[in-house]
Amino acid sequence: MRQVDTTVSFTPASTRPALDQPLNAARPCARACRWCVLAAVCLLWLFAWLPVHAKEPVVQQIGLQRSADALYLSVRLELAPTHAVEDALLKGVPLYFVWQADVYRDRWYWTDKRVASAVRTLRLAYQPLTRRWRLSLSNDPPADSGRAGLQYALHQNFDSLPEALAGVSRVSRWKVADAHQLQEGSDQRVEVDFRLDLSLLPRPFQIGMVNQPEWLIEVRRRVDVPARAEPEPEPAPDASPAIGDAASAPSDADR
């Protein structure tokens, strides 16, 4: 019988495709998760290094009172300085806050006319020896006189920074215009501006502060002028008896 040689060959089936398929499908998800974690870390790092923006002062009260002789402005703000501003004050750096009120008359045929303007500058400084805050008031425009030329008319001391800031951030019956500068019944307004004037700081501190948002403290408002003067309030009646009443009253000796 003839011998037949048979060669059996086979290729073992690989199970790797079945195992690699879910692994390959999971790789995009893992890569996406890594990118999400990296993006979150970058955002946290960015927010940590972003500059702190100064909070705009909150206007709690603002109003105008027009009398027979003048126009008066009253404003109360809520001032919350940033850490940089407070740190500079504690280091003895004086800061200058400026109030400005401009009175305009509307003109339909031309630009509005400014009929009056009033400016006051407040200098706030910390005194380390006495641990008190000194607030000085000047009615000179800082742009004309400069920091060295300011003439202060009033000084006041405070025991704490919140009390000093309360004195900075409010004005009461501030005369902004005379009666002859106003017209009866015409459209007039007052533009109020309160700001931290960086140009009055010492030169070494002005470098790099112009574009720092945490040093920008400013608020602007517009208030319409009353059309007519308000009547003067009548004086309150005196509770003490008049001279005639006292003379007519019986004394103890008469009794």
C-alpha atoms as a PDB file:
ATOM      1  CA  MET A   1       0.000   0.000   0.000  1.00  0.00           C
ATOM      2  CA  ARG A   2       1.295   3.367  -0.925  1.00  0.00           C
ATOM      3  CA  GLN A   3       2.069   5.554   2.041  1.00  0.00           C
ATOM      4  CA  VAL A   4       0.474   8.954   2.018  1.00  0.00           C
ATOM      5  CA  ASP A   5       2.064  11.688   4.001  1.00  0.00           C
ATOM      6  CA  THR A   6      -0.416  14.170   5.463  1.00  0.00           C
ATOM      7  CA  THR A   7       0.628  17.473   6.936  1.00  0.00           C
ATOM      8  CA  VAL A   8      -1.832  19.131   9.194  1.00  0.00           C
ATOM      9  CA  SER A   9      -1.382  22.861   9.654  1.00  0.00           C
ATOM     10  CA  PHE A  10      -3.569  25.224  11.532  1.00  0.00           C
ATOM     11  CA  THR A  11      -3.500  28.872  12.591  1.00  0.00           C
ATOM     12  CA  PRO A  12      -4.585  29.449  16.128  1.00  0.00           C
ATOM     13  CA  ALA A  13      -7.395  31.993  16.432  1.00  0.00           C
ATOM     14  CA  SER A  14      -6.320  35.157  18.161  1.00  0.00           C
ATOM     15  CA  THR A  15      -8.505  36.581  20.869  1.00  0.00           C
ATOM     16  CA  ARG A  16      -6.764  39.994  20.928  1.00  0.00           C
ATOM     17  CA  PRO A  17      -9.231  41.766  18.611  1.00  0.00           C
ATOM     18  CA  ALA A  18     -12.046  40.859  20.965  1.00  0.00           C
ATOM     19  CA  LEU A  19     -10.066  42.189  23.916  1.00  0.00           C
ATOM     20  CA  ASP A  20      -8.606  45.213  22.153  1.00  0.00           C
ATOM     21  CA  GLN A  21     -11.924  46.450  20.820  1.00  0.00           C
ATOM     22  CA  PRO A  22     -13.308  47.727  24.154  1.00  0.00           C
ATOM     23  CA  LEU A  23      -9.873  49.050  25.105  1.00  0.00           C
ATOM     24  CA  ASN A  24      -9.600  51.008  21.870  1.00  0.00           C
ATOM     25  CA  ALA A  25     -13.102  52.352  22.390  1.00  0.00           C
ATOM     26  CA  ALA A  26     -12.208  53.521  25.908  1.00  0.00           C
ATOM     27  CA  ARG A  27      -9.074  55.380  24.849  1.00  0.00           C
ATOM     28  CA  PRO A  28     -10.919  58.448  23.404  1.00  0.00           C
ATOM     29  CA  CYS A  29     -12.937  58.747  26.628  1.00  0.00           C
ATOM     30  CA  ALA A  30      -9.789  58.620  28.758  1.00  0.00           C
ATOM     31  CA  ARG A  31      -8.106  61.176  26.523  1.00  0.00           C
ATOM     32  CA  ALA A  32     -11.131  63.484  26.795  1.00  0.00           C
ATOM     33  CA  CYS A  33     -11.130  63.152  30.582  1.00  0.00           C
ATOM     34  CA  ARG A  34      -7.467  64.094  30.740  1.00  0.00           C
ATOM     35  CA  TRP A  35      -8.107  67.188  28.629  1.00  0.00           C
ATOM     36  CA  CYS A  36     -11.024  68.176  30.864  1.00  0.00           C
ATOM     37  CA  VAL A  37      -8.886  67.866  33.989  1.00  0.00           C
ATOM     38  CA  LEU A  38      -6.090  69.867  32.365  1.00  0.00           C
ATOM     39  CA  ALA A  39      -8.526  72.591  31.290  1.00  0.00           C
ATOM     40  CA  ALA A  40      -9.983  72.802  34.807  1.00  0.00           C
ATOM     41  CA  VAL A  41      -6.520  73.164  36.325  1.00  0.00           C
ATOM     42  CA  CYS A  42      -5.660  75.915  33.835  1.00  0.00           C
ATOM     43  CA  LEU A  43      -8.882  77.795  34.624  1.00  0.00           C
ATOM     44  CA  LEU A  44      -8.249  77.603  38.355  1.00  0.00           C
ATOM     45  CA  TRP A  45      -4.721  78.869  37.867  1.00  0.00           C
ATOM     46  CA  LEU A  46      -5.973  81.707  35.651  1.00  0.00           C
ATOM     47  CA  PHE A  47      -8.654  82.802  38.129  1.00  0.00           C
ATOM     48  CA  ALA A  48      -6.114  82.738  40.934  1.00  0.00           C
ATOM     49  CA  TRP A  49      -3.857  85.187  39.092  1.00  0.00           C
ATOM     50  CA  LEU A  50      -6.519  87.490  37.711  1.00  0.00           C
ATOM     51  CA  PRO A  51      -6.417  91.000  39.231  1.00  0.00           C
ATOM     52  CA  VAL A  52      -9.097  91.888  41.741  1.00  0.00           C
ATOM     53  CA  HIS A  53     -11.453  94.487  40.306  1.00  0.00           C
ATOM     54  CA  ALA A  54     -12.444  97.346  42.541  1.00  0.00           C
ATOM     55  CA  LYS A  55     -16.070  97.266  43.500  1.00  0.00           C
ATOM     56  CA  GLU A  56     -17.980 100.310  42.322  1.00  0.00           C
ATOM     57  CA  PRO A  57     -19.323 102.322  45.262  1.00  0.00           C
ATOM     58  CA  VAL A  58     -23.001 101.715  45.873  1.00  0.00           C
ATOM     59  CA  VAL A  59     -25.164 104.843  45.799  1.00  0.00           C
ATOM     60  CA  GLN A  60     -27.368 104.643  48.868  1.00  0.00           C
ATOM     61  CA  GLN A  61     -28.860 108.117  48.628  1.00  0.00           C
ATOM     62  CA  ILE A  62     -28.615 111.064  46.248  1.00  0.00           C
ATOM     63  CA  GLY A  63     -30.726 114.178  45.969  1.00  0.00           C
ATOM     64  CA  LEU A  64     -30.823 117.897  45.170  1.00  0.00           C
ATOM     65  CA  GLN A  65     -32.386 120.698  47.156  1.00  0.00           C
ATOM     66  CA  ARG A  66     -33.077 123.974  45.382  1.00  0.00           C
ATOM     67  CA  SER A  67     -33.634 126.950  47.623  1.00  0.00           C
ATOM     68  CA  ALA A  68     -34.037 130.663  46.986  1.00  0.00           C
ATOM     69  CA  ASP A  69     -30.288 131.290  47.238  1.00  0.00           C
ATOM     70  CA  ALA A  70     -28.486 128.156  46.000  1.00  0.00           C
ATOM     71  CA  LEU A  71     -28.595 124.531  44.840  1.00  0.00           C
ATOM     72  CA  TYR A  72     -27.435 121.905  47.347  1.00  0.00           C
ATOM     73  CA  LEU A  73     -26.364 118.299  46.758  1.00  0.00           C
ATOM     74  CA  SER A  74     -26.506 115.424  49.250  1.00  0.00           C
ATOM     75  CA  VAL A  75     -25.003 112.002  48.484  1.00  0.00           C
ATOM     76  CA  ARG A  76     -24.221 108.928  50.553  1.00  0.00           C
ATOM     77  CA  LEU A  77     -22.162 106.063  49.141  1.00  0.00           C
ATOM     78  CA  GLU A  78     -21.070 102.661  50.403  1.00  0.00           C
ATOM     79  CA  LEU A  79     -17.326 102.508  49.812  1.00  0.00           C
ATOM     80  CA  ALA A  80     -15.498  99.157  50.034  1.00  0.00           C
ATOM     81  CA  PRO A  81     -11.807  99.469  49.069  1.00  0.00           C
ATOM     82  CA  THR A  82      -9.815  96.558  47.690  1.00  0.00           C
ATOM     83  CA  HIS A  83      -6.954  94.878  49.528  1.00  0.00           C
ATOM     84  CA  ALA A  84      -4.361  96.880  47.578  1.00  0.00           C
ATOM     85  CA  VAL A  85      -5.965 100.216  48.477  1.00  0.00           C
ATOM     86  CA  GLU A  86      -6.344  99.281  52.132  1.00  0.00           C
ATOM     87  CA  ASP A  87      -2.779  97.963  52.285  1.00  0.00           C
ATOM     88  CA  ALA A  88      -1.434 101.224  50.859  1.00  0.00           C
ATOM     89  CA  LEU A  89      -3.373 103.213  53.455  1.00  0.00           C
ATOM     90  CA  LEU A  90      -2.051 101.076  56.302  1.00  0.00           C
ATOM     91  CA  LYS A  91       1.487 101.660  55.049  1.00  0.00           C
ATOM     92  CA  GLY A  92       1.018 105.403  55.421  1.00  0.00           C
ATOM     93  CA  VAL A  93       0.403 106.319  51.773  1.00  0.00           C
ATOM     94  CA  PRO A  94      -2.102 109.215  51.604  1.00  0.00           C
ATOM     95  CA  LEU A  95      -4.941 108.769  49.113  1.00  0.00           C
ATOM     96  CA  TYR A  96      -6.961 111.506  47.470  1.00  0.00           C
ATOM     97  CA  PHE A  97     -10.670 111.235  46.716  1.00  0.00           C
ATOM     98  CA  VAL A  98     -12.357 113.850  44.528  1.00  0.00           C
ATOM     99  CA  TRP A  99     -16.000 114.928  44.436  1.00  0.00           C
ATOM    100  CA  GLN A 100     -17.061 116.885  41.360  1.00  0.00           C
ATOM    101  CA  ALA A 101     -20.493 118.254  40.477  1.00  0.00           C
ATOM    102  CA  ASP A 102     -21.192 119.970  37.136  1.00  0.00           C
ATOM    103  CA  VAL A 103     -24.483 121.750  36.465  1.00  0.00           C
ATOM    104  CA  TYR A 104     -25.642 121.688  32.821  1.00  0.00           C
ATOM    105  CA  ARG A 105     -28.482 123.416  31.029  1.00  0.00           C
ATOM    106  CA  ASP A 106     -30.035 121.601  28.070  1.00  0.00           C
ATOM    107  CA  ARG A 107     -29.938 123.395  24.724  1.00  0.00           C
ATOM    108  CA  TRP A 108     -31.750 121.899  21.740  1.00  0.00           C
ATOM    109  CA  TYR A 109     -29.869 124.057  19.201  1.00  0.00           C
ATOM    110  CA  TRP A 110     -26.350 123.401  20.511  1.00  0.00           C
ATOM    111  CA  THR A 111     -24.386 121.360  23.018  1.00  0.00           C
ATOM    112  CA  ASP A 112     -25.477 121.590  26.636  1.00  0.00           C
ATOM    113  CA  LYS A 113     -24.043 124.535  28.550  1.00  0.00           C
ATOM    114  CA  ARG A 114     -22.196 124.079  31.819  1.00  0.00           C
ATOM    115  CA  VAL A 115     -23.421 126.839  34.079  1.00  0.00           C
ATOM    116  CA  ALA A 116     -21.698 125.881  37.347  1.00  0.00           C
ATOM    117  CA  SER A 117     -19.085 123.507  38.717  1.00  0.00           C
ATOM    118  CA  ALA A 118     -17.940 122.564  42.204  1.00  0.00           C
ATOM    119  CA  VAL A 119     -15.000 120.386  43.284  1.00  0.00           C
ATOM    120  CA  ARG A 120     -13.783 119.176  46.634  1.00  0.00           C
ATOM    121  CA  THR A 121     -10.750 117.008  47.369  1.00  0.00           C
ATOM    122  CA  LEU A 122     -10.435 114.738  50.398  1.00  0.00           C
ATOM    123  CA  ARG A 123      -7.050 113.543  51.615  1.00  0.00           C
ATOM    124  CA  LEU A 124      -7.124 110.386  53.729  1.00  0.00           C
ATOM    125  CA  ALA A 125      -3.971 109.363  55.595  1.00  0.00           C
ATOM    126  CA  TYR A 126      -3.128 106.954  58.410  1.00  0.00           C
ATOM    127  CA  GLN A 127      -1.016 108.171  61.325  1.00  0.00           C
ATOM    128  CA  PRO A 128       0.926 105.208  62.756  1.00  0.00           C
ATOM    129  CA  LEU A 129       2.038 107.021  65.903  1.00  0.00           C
ATOM    130  CA  THR A 130      -1.483 107.835  67.071  1.00  0.00           C
ATOM    131  CA  ARG A 131      -3.128 104.955  65.161  1.00  0.00           C
ATOM    132  CA  ARG A 132      -5.777 107.333  63.931  1.00  0.00           C
ATOM    133  CA  TRP A 133      -7.047 108.346  60.517  1.00  0.00           C
ATOM    134  CA  ARG A 134      -6.863 111.973  59.403  1.00  0.00           C
ATOM    135  CA  LEU A 135      -9.242 113.330  56.779  1.00  0.00           C
ATOM    136  CA  SER A 136      -8.529 116.738  55.247  1.00  0.00           C
ATOM    137  CA  LEU A 137     -10.914 118.726  53.033  1.00  0.00           C
ATOM    138  CA  SER A 138      -9.904 121.111  50.259  1.00  0.00           C
ATOM    139  CA  ASN A 139     -12.178 123.050  47.916  1.00  0.00           C
ATOM    140  CA  ASP A 140      -9.416 123.663  45.359  1.00  0.00           C
ATOM    141  CA  PRO A 141      -9.532 121.818  42.008  1.00  0.00           C
ATOM    142  CA  PRO A 142      -6.626 119.331  42.018  1.00  0.00           C
ATOM    143  CA  ALA A 143      -5.994 119.764  38.289  1.00  0.00           C
ATOM    144  CA  ASP A 144      -5.180 123.452  38.778  1.00  0.00           C
ATOM    145  CA  SER A 145      -3.315 123.417  42.059  1.00  0.00           C
ATOM    146  CA  GLY A 146      -1.764 119.960  42.138  1.00  0.00           C
ATOM    147  CA  ARG A 147      -1.102 117.861  45.213  1.00  0.00           C
ATOM    148  CA  ALA A 148       1.377 120.292  46.753  1.00  0.00           C
ATOM    149  CA  GLY A 149      -0.846 123.344  46.198  1.00  0.00           C
ATOM    150  CA  LEU A 150      -3.988 122.065  47.895  1.00  0.00           C
ATOM    151  CA  GLN A 151      -5.164 124.340  50.690  1.00  0.00           C
ATOM    152  CA  TYR A 152      -7.085 122.405  53.319  1.00  0.00           C
ATOM    153  CA  ALA A 153      -9.923 124.143  55.093  1.00  0.00           C
ATOM    154  CA  LEU A 154     -10.992 121.381  57.454  1.00  0.00           C
ATOM    155  CA  HIS A 155      -9.347 118.461  59.274  1.00  0.00           C
ATOM    156  CA  GLN A 156     -11.042 115.621  61.097  1.00  0.00           C
ATOM    157  CA  ASN A 157      -9.689 112.560  62.917  1.00  0.00           C
ATOM    158  CA  PHE A 158     -11.259 109.092  63.088  1.00  0.00           C
ATOM    159  CA  ASP A 159     -10.498 106.051  65.211  1.00  0.00           C
ATOM    160  CA  SER A 160     -11.103 103.406  62.518  1.00  0.00           C
ATOM    161  CA  LEU A 161     -10.916 103.043  58.756  1.00  0.00           C
ATOM    162  CA  PRO A 162     -14.679 102.380  58.273  1.00  0.00           C
ATOM    163  CA  GLU A 163     -15.469 105.650  60.061  1.00  0.00           C
ATOM    164  CA  ALA A 164     -12.977 107.536  57.903  1.00  0.00           C
ATOM    165  CA  LEU A 165     -14.356 106.002  54.699  1.00  0.00           C
ATOM    166  CA  ALA A 166     -17.857 106.979  55.787  1.00  0.00           C
ATOM    167  CA  GLY A 167     -16.646 110.572  55.992  1.00  0.00           C
ATOM    168  CA  VAL A 168     -15.076 110.304  52.545  1.00  0.00           C
ATOM    169  CA  SER A 169     -18.091 108.769  50.831  1.00  0.00           C
ATOM    170  CA  ARG A 170     -20.792 111.269  51.765  1.00  0.00           C
ATOM    171  CA  VAL A 171     -21.608 114.936  51.280  1.00  0.00           C
ATOM    172  CA  SER A 172     -24.441 116.818  52.958  1.00  0.00           C
ATOM    173  CA  ARG A 173     -25.964 120.043  51.626  1.00  0.00           C
ATOM    174  CA  TRP A 174     -22.998 120.762  49.420  1.00  0.00           C
ATOM    175  CA  LYS A 175     -23.478 124.027  47.557  1.00  0.00           C
ATOM    176  CA  VAL A 176     -22.917 123.347  43.856  1.00  0.00           C
ATOM    177  CA  ALA A 177     -24.505 126.444  42.251  1.00  0.00           C
ATOM    178  CA  ASP A 178     -25.889 129.862  43.120  1.00  0.00           C
ATOM    179  CA  ALA A 179     -29.488 130.802  42.475  1.00  0.00           C
ATOM    180  CA  HIS A 180     -28.646 133.337  39.740  1.00  0.00           C
ATOM    181  CA  GLN A 181     -26.905 130.579  37.733  1.00  0.00           C
ATOM    182  CA  LEU A 182     -30.138 128.599  37.422  1.00  0.00           C
ATOM    183  CA  GLN A 183     -33.263 129.261  35.404  1.00  0.00           C
ATOM    184  CA  GLU A 184     -36.865 128.711  36.364  1.00  0.00           C
ATOM    185  CA  GLY A 185     -38.499 125.750  34.667  1.00  0.00           C
ATOM    186  CA  SER A 186     -35.631 124.988  32.255  1.00  0.00           C
ATOM    187  CA  ASP A 187     -34.199 121.498  31.771  1.00  0.00           C
ATOM    188  CA  GLN A 188     -31.112 121.341  33.941  1.00  0.00           C
ATOM    189  CA  ARG A 189     -29.123 118.508  35.442  1.00  0.00           C
ATOM    190  CA  VAL A 190     -26.212 117.841  37.754  1.00  0.00           C
ATOM    191  CA  GLU A 191     -23.575 115.269  36.809  1.00  0.00           C
ATOM    192  CA  VAL A 192     -21.919 113.904  39.947  1.00  0.00           C
ATOM    193  CA  ASP A 193     -18.518 112.214  39.830  1.00  0.00           C
ATOM    194  CA  PHE A 194     -16.708 110.538  42.740  1.00  0.00           C
ATOM    195  CA  ARG A 195     -13.292 108.987  42.124  1.00  0.00           C
ATOM    196  CA  LEU A 196      -9.934 108.034  43.554  1.00  0.00           C
ATOM    197  CA  ASP A 197      -7.489 110.445  41.911  1.00  0.00           C
ATOM    198  CA  LEU A 198      -4.299 108.506  41.145  1.00  0.00           C
ATOM    199  CA  SER A 199      -2.601 111.574  39.655  1.00  0.00           C
ATOM    200  CA  LEU A 200      -2.253 113.043  43.155  1.00  0.00           C
ATOM    201  CA  LEU A 201      -0.328 110.056  44.507  1.00  0.00           C
ATOM    202  CA  PRO A 202       3.432 110.281  45.011  1.00  0.00           C
ATOM    203  CA  ARG A 203       5.368 109.612  41.801  1.00  0.00           C
ATOM    204  CA  PRO A 204       6.814 106.206  42.836  1.00  0.00           C
ATOM    205  CA  PHE A 205       3.305 104.863  43.443  1.00  0.00           C
ATOM    206  CA  GLN A 206       1.913 106.100  40.132  1.00  0.00           C
ATOM    207  CA  ILE A 207       4.143 103.763  38.108  1.00  0.00           C
ATOM    208  CA  GLY A 208       2.065 100.814  36.940  1.00  0.00           C
ATOM    209  CA  MET A 209      -1.156 101.878  38.687  1.00  0.00           C
ATOM    210  CA  VAL A 210      -2.876 103.491  35.726  1.00  0.00           C
ATOM    211  CA  ASN A 211      -4.078 100.211  34.228  1.00  0.00           C
ATOM    212  CA  GLN A 212      -4.605  98.337  37.505  1.00  0.00           C
ATOM    213  CA  PRO A 213      -8.346  97.596  37.881  1.00  0.00           C
ATOM    214  CA  GLU A 214      -8.110  97.277  41.668  1.00  0.00           C
ATOM    215  CA  TRP A 215      -7.126 100.941  41.878  1.00  0.00           C
ATOM    216  CA  LEU A 216     -10.029 102.212  39.771  1.00  0.00           C
ATOM    217  CA  ILE A 217     -12.655 103.547  42.178  1.00  0.00           C
ATOM    218  CA  GLU A 218     -15.226 105.753  40.480  1.00  0.00           C
ATOM    219  CA  VAL A 219     -18.972 106.281  40.303  1.00  0.00           C
ATOM    220  CA  ARG A 220     -20.988 108.694  38.172  1.00  0.00           C
ATOM    221  CA  ARG A 221     -24.614 109.715  38.454  1.00  0.00           C
ATOM    222  CA  ARG A 222     -26.960 112.209  36.827  1.00  0.00           C
ATOM    223  CA  VAL A 223     -29.652 114.044  38.778  1.00  0.00           C
ATOM    224  CA  ASP A 224     -32.266 116.438  37.383  1.00  0.00           C
ATOM    225  CA  VAL A 225     -32.476 119.874  38.965  1.00  0.00           C
ATOM    226  CA  PRO A 226     -35.876 120.775  40.443  1.00  0.00           C
ATOM    227  CA  ALA A 227     -37.746 123.219  38.223  1.00  0.00           C
ATOM    228  CA  ARG A 228     -38.426 125.692  41.037  1.00  0.00           C
ATOM    229  CA  ALA A 229     -37.040 126.561  44.412  1.00  0.00           C
ATOM    230  CA  GLU A 230     -38.556 124.820  47.383  1.00  0.00           C
ATOM    231  CA  PRO A 231     -40.192 126.986  50.043  1.00  0.00           C
ATOM    232  CA  GLU A 232     -38.101 127.547  53.129  1.00  0.00           C
ATOM    233  CA  PRO A 233     -39.258 125.369  56.046  1.00  0.00           C
ATOM    234  CA  GLU A 234     -40.887 127.257  58.867  1.00  0.00           C
ATOM    235  CA  PRO A 235     -38.929 127.358  62.119  1.00  0.00           C
ATOM    236  CA  ALA A 236     -40.045 124.872  64.730  1.00  0.00           C
ATOM    237  CA  PRO A 237     -42.135 126.373  67.547  1.00  0.00           C
ATOM    238  CA  ASP A 238     -40.207 127.050  70.719  1.00  0.00           C
ATOM    239  CA  ALA A 239     -41.340 124.865  73.599  1.00  0.00           C
ATOM    240  CA  SER A 240     -40.252 127.410  76.218  1.00  0.00           C
ATOM    241  CA  PRO A 241     -42.872 129.968  77.310  1.00  0.00           C
ATOM    242  CA  ALA A 242     -42.795 133.427  75.816  1.00  0.00           C
ATOM    243  CA  ILE A 243     -41.803 136.485  77.837  1.00  0.00           C
ATOM    244  CA  GLY A 244     -45.354 137.774  78.068  1.00  0.00           C
ATOM    245  CA  ASP A 245     -46.591 134.400  79.267  1.00  0.00           C
ATOM    246  CA  ALA A 246     -43.887 134.201  81.902  1.00  0.00           C
ATOM    247  CA  ALA A 247     -44.718 137.725  83.148  1.00  0.00           C
ATOM    248  CA  SER A 248     -48.431 137.012  83.371  1.00  0.00           C
ATOM    249  CA  ALA A 249     -47.988 133.731  85.188  1.00  0.00           C
ATOM    250  CA  PRO A 250     -48.457 134.068  88.982  1.00  0.00           C
ATOM    251  CA  SER A 251     -45.331 133.657  91.036  1.00  0.00           C
ATOM    252  CA  ASP A 252     -44.987 131.794  94.315  1.00  0.00           C
ATOM    253  CA  ALA A 253     -44.898 135.080  96.231  1.00  0.00           C
ATOM    254  CA  ASP A 254     -48.227 136.148  94.749  1.00  0.00           C
ATOM    255  CA  ARG A 255     -49.738 132.894  95.825  1.00  0.00           C
END
